[in-house]
C-alpha atoms as a PDB file:
ATOM      1  CA  MET A   1       0.000   0.000   0.000  1.00  0.00           C
ATOM      2  CA  ASP A   2       2.838   2.395   0.817  1.00  0.00           C
ATOM      3  CA  GLN A   3       4.315   1.709  -2.625  1.00  0.00           C
ATOM      4  CA  ASN A   4       0.992   2.667  -4.240  1.00  0.00           C
ATOM      5  CA  ILE A   5       0.878   5.944  -2.287  1.00  0.00           C
ATOM      6  CA  ALA A   6       4.456   6.742  -3.301  1.00  0.00           C
ATOM      7  CA  GLU A   7       3.714   5.999  -6.969  1.00  0.00           C
ATOM      8  CA  ASN A   8       0.575   8.149  -6.912  1.00  0.00           C
ATOM      9  CA  PHE A   9       2.460  11.003  -5.252  1.00  0.00           C
ATOM     10  CA  ALA A  10       5.279  10.715  -7.807  1.00  0.00           C
ATOM     11  CA  LYS A  11       2.767  10.759 -10.673  1.00  0.00           C
ATOM     12  CA  PHE A  12       0.950  13.732  -9.134  1.00  0.00           C
ATOM     13  CA  THR A  13       4.242  15.605  -8.749  1.00  0.00           C
ATOM     14  CA  GLU A  14       5.240  14.819 -12.332  1.00  0.00           C
ATOM     15  CA  ASN A  15       1.878  16.034 -13.657  1.00  0.00           C
ATOM     16  CA  MET A  16       2.113  19.183 -11.552  1.00  0.00           C
ATOM     17  CA  MET A  17       5.616  19.932 -12.844  1.00  0.00           C
ATOM     18  CA  ASP A  18       4.474  19.371 -16.440  1.00  0.00           C
ATOM     19  CA  SER A  19       1.560  21.756 -15.918  1.00  0.00           C
ATOM     20  CA  MET A  20       3.826  24.369 -14.349  1.00  0.00           C
ATOM     21  CA  GLN A  21       6.225  24.103 -17.298  1.00  0.00           C
ATOM     22  CA  LYS A  22       3.366  24.535 -19.760  1.00  0.00           C
ATOM     23  CA  LEU A  23       2.048  27.498 -17.770  1.00  0.00           C
ATOM     24  CA  GLN A  24       5.479  29.102 -17.893  1.00  0.00           C
ATOM     25  CA  GLU A  25       5.590  28.565 -21.666  1.00  0.00           C
ATOM     26  CA  ILE A  26       2.161  30.180 -22.085  1.00  0.00           C
ATOM     27  CA  ASN A  27       3.223  33.159 -19.959  1.00  0.00           C
ATOM     28  CA  GLU A  28       6.504  33.577 -21.849  1.00  0.00           C
ATOM     29  CA  LYS A  29       4.753  33.369 -25.231  1.00  0.00           C
ATOM     30  CA  THR A  30       2.103  35.891 -24.184  1.00  0.00           C
ATOM     31  CA  LEU A  31       4.677  38.298 -22.741  1.00  0.00           C
ATOM     32  CA  LYS A  32       6.853  38.020 -25.855  1.00  0.00           C
ATOM     33  CA  GLU A  33       3.880  38.713 -28.135  1.00  0.00           C
ATOM     34  CA  LEU A  34       2.675  41.631 -25.998  1.00  0.00           C
ATOM     35  CA  THR A  35       6.132  43.177 -25.880  1.00  0.00           C
ATOM     36  CA  SER A  36       6.581  42.821 -29.622  1.00  0.00           C
ATOM     37  CA  GLN A  37       3.160  44.282 -30.316  1.00  0.00           C
ATOM     38  CA  GLN A  38       3.743  47.220 -27.964  1.00  0.00           C
ATOM     39  CA  PHE A  39       7.167  48.011 -29.458  1.00  0.00           C
ATOM     40  CA  GLN A  40       5.651  47.950 -32.946  1.00  0.00           C
ATOM     41  CA  SER A  41       2.851  50.271 -31.819  1.00  0.00           C
ATOM     42  CA  ALA A  42       5.349  52.667 -30.242  1.00  0.00           C
ATOM     43  CA  GLN A  43       7.414  52.743 -33.447  1.00  0.00           C
ATOM     44  CA  ASP A  44       4.303  53.364 -35.527  1.00  0.00           C
ATOM     45  CA  PHE A  45       3.147  56.184 -33.230  1.00  0.00           C
ATOM     46  CA  ILE A  46       6.539  57.890 -33.320  1.00  0.00           C
ATOM     47  CA  LYS A  47       6.910  57.587 -37.092  1.00  0.00           C
ATOM     48  CA  THR A  48       3.367  58.697 -37.881  1.00  0.00           C
ATOM     49  CA  GLY A  49       3.433  61.501 -35.324  1.00  0.00           C
ATOM     50  CA  SER A  50       6.709  62.844 -36.674  1.00  0.00           C
ATOM     51  CA  GLU A  51       5.497  62.733 -40.263  1.00  0.00           C
ATOM     52  CA  GLN A  52       2.266  64.474 -39.422  1.00  0.00           C
ATOM     53  CA  ILE A  53       3.894  67.159 -37.284  1.00  0.00           C
ATOM     54  CA  GLU A  54       6.253  67.831 -40.179  1.00  0.00           C
ATOM     55  CA  GLN A  55       3.228  68.277 -42.451  1.00  0.00           C
ATOM     56  CA  LEU A  56       1.607  70.525 -39.855  1.00  0.00           C
ATOM     57  CA  GLY A  57       4.736  72.682 -39.867  1.00  0.00           C
ATOM     58  CA  LYS A  58       4.417  73.150 -43.618  1.00  0.00           C
ATOM     59  CA  SER A  59       0.918  74.607 -43.285  1.00  0.00           C
ATOM     60  CA  LYS A  60       0.654  78.113 -44.611  1.00  0.00           C
ATOM     61  CA  THR A  61      -2.769  79.039 -43.354  1.00  0.00           C
ATOM     62  CA  VAL A  62      -4.793  78.439 -40.228  1.00  0.00           C
ATOM     63  CA  GLU A  63      -7.213  76.343 -42.270  1.00  0.00           C
ATOM     64  CA  GLU A  64      -4.387  74.076 -43.474  1.00  0.00           C
ATOM     65  CA  ALA A  65      -3.085  73.771 -39.911  1.00  0.00           C
ATOM     66  CA  VAL A  66      -6.534  72.844 -38.596  1.00  0.00           C
ATOM     67  CA  SER A  67      -6.934  70.325 -41.416  1.00  0.00           C
ATOM     68  CA  GLU A  68      -3.559  68.731 -40.622  1.00  0.00           C
ATOM     69  CA  GLN A  69      -4.363  68.668 -36.916  1.00  0.00           C
ATOM     70  CA  THR A  70      -7.631  66.903 -37.699  1.00  0.00           C
ATOM     71  CA  LYS A  71      -5.744  64.307 -39.756  1.00  0.00           C
ATOM     72  CA  ILE A  72      -3.262  63.787 -36.914  1.00  0.00           C
ATOM     73  CA  THR A  73      -6.052  63.312 -34.389  1.00  0.00           C
ATOM     74  CA  SER A  74      -7.954  60.930 -36.646  1.00  0.00           C
ATOM     75  CA  THR A  75      -4.899  58.848 -37.541  1.00  0.00           C
ATOM     76  CA  MET A  76      -3.674  58.621 -33.958  1.00  0.00           C
ATOM     77  CA  GLY A  77      -7.143  57.670 -32.744  1.00  0.00           C
ATOM     78  CA  LYS A  78      -7.278  54.823 -35.271  1.00  0.00           C
ATOM     79  CA  MET A  79      -3.803  53.707 -34.256  1.00  0.00           C
ATOM     80  CA  VAL A  80      -4.811  53.609 -30.582  1.00  0.00           C
ATOM     81  CA  LEU A  81      -7.830  51.456 -31.433  1.00  0.00           C
ATOM     82  CA  ASP A  82      -5.728  49.151 -33.616  1.00  0.00           C
ATOM     83  CA  SER A  83      -3.170  48.791 -30.842  1.00  0.00           C
ATOM     84  CA  ALA A  84      -5.863  48.007 -28.284  1.00  0.00           C
ATOM     85  CA  GLN A  85      -7.371  45.405 -30.622  1.00  0.00           C
ATOM     86  CA  ALA A  86      -3.987  43.754 -31.172  1.00  0.00           C
ATOM     87  CA  THR A  87      -3.373  43.695 -27.417  1.00  0.00           C
ATOM     88  CA  MET A  88      -6.765  42.088 -26.804  1.00  0.00           C
ATOM     89  CA  GLU A  89      -6.025  39.424 -29.409  1.00  0.00           C
ATOM     90  CA  VAL A  90      -2.749  38.506 -27.706  1.00  0.00           C
ATOM     91  CA  LEU A  91      -4.425  38.353 -24.297  1.00  0.00           C
ATOM     92  CA  THR A  92      -7.363  36.352 -25.650  1.00  0.00           C
ATOM     93  CA  ASN A  93      -4.998  33.830 -27.234  1.00  0.00           C
ATOM     94  CA  GLY A  94      -3.121  33.512 -23.947  1.00  0.00           C
ATOM     95  CA  GLN A  95      -6.405  32.972 -22.118  1.00  0.00           C
ATOM     96  CA  LYS A  96      -7.412  30.237 -24.595  1.00  0.00           C
ATOM     97  CA  ASP A  97      -4.044  28.526 -24.109  1.00  0.00           C
ATOM     98  CA  LEU A  98      -4.514  28.652 -20.348  1.00  0.00           C
ATOM     99  CA  GLU A  99      -8.056  27.274 -20.592  1.00  0.00           C
ATOM    100  CA  ASN A 100      -6.781  24.393 -22.735  1.00  0.00           C
ATOM    101  CA  LEU A 101      -4.031  23.681 -20.199  1.00  0.00           C
ATOM    102  CA  ILE A 102      -6.563  23.565 -17.368  1.00  0.00           C
ATOM    103  CA  LYS A 103      -8.932  21.309 -19.333  1.00  0.00           C
ATOM    104  CA  THR A 104      -6.078  18.939 -20.155  1.00  0.00           C
ATOM    105  CA  ALA A 105      -4.843  18.901 -16.559  1.00  0.00           C
ATOM    106  CA  VAL A 106      -8.338  18.160 -15.239  1.00  0.00           C
ATOM    107  CA  LYS A 107      -8.897  15.455 -17.850  1.00  0.00           C
ATOM    108  CA  ASP A 108      -5.522  13.858 -17.035  1.00  0.00           C
ATOM    109  CA  GLY A 109      -6.297  14.079 -13.330  1.00  0.00           C
ATOM    110  CA  MET A 110      -9.609  12.301 -13.820  1.00  0.00           C
ATOM    111  CA  LYS A 111      -7.933   9.537 -15.843  1.00  0.00           C
ATOM    112  CA  SER A 112      -5.357   8.890 -13.163  1.00  0.00           C
ATOM    113  CA  LYS A 113      -8.055   8.629 -10.461  1.00  0.00           C
ATOM    114  CA  GLY A 114     -10.256   6.344 -12.515  1.00  0.00           C
END
């Protein structure tokens, strides 16, 4: 009986370590994707902002300046929404990966008990 308890504990520990490793992989993947997405957004904001401010500086009338400012505001607003959408996609994918890990762990746990 003691041998059976030891084997069950060893199997439980092995399954737990596997799950922890998979969780770490999910977290690393999600963090890497978020970081990459955020750096890309920052580069896009800087580039677009610089280009549009340069255009604003070339305005010769108040009307042209207002028009350029409107373009800047519109473009930056769209970029913010695009960035938020991309961030949500990364987080949603990470959540799905985590849900799949939990389902697999529960299913494996039920098999080992049965």
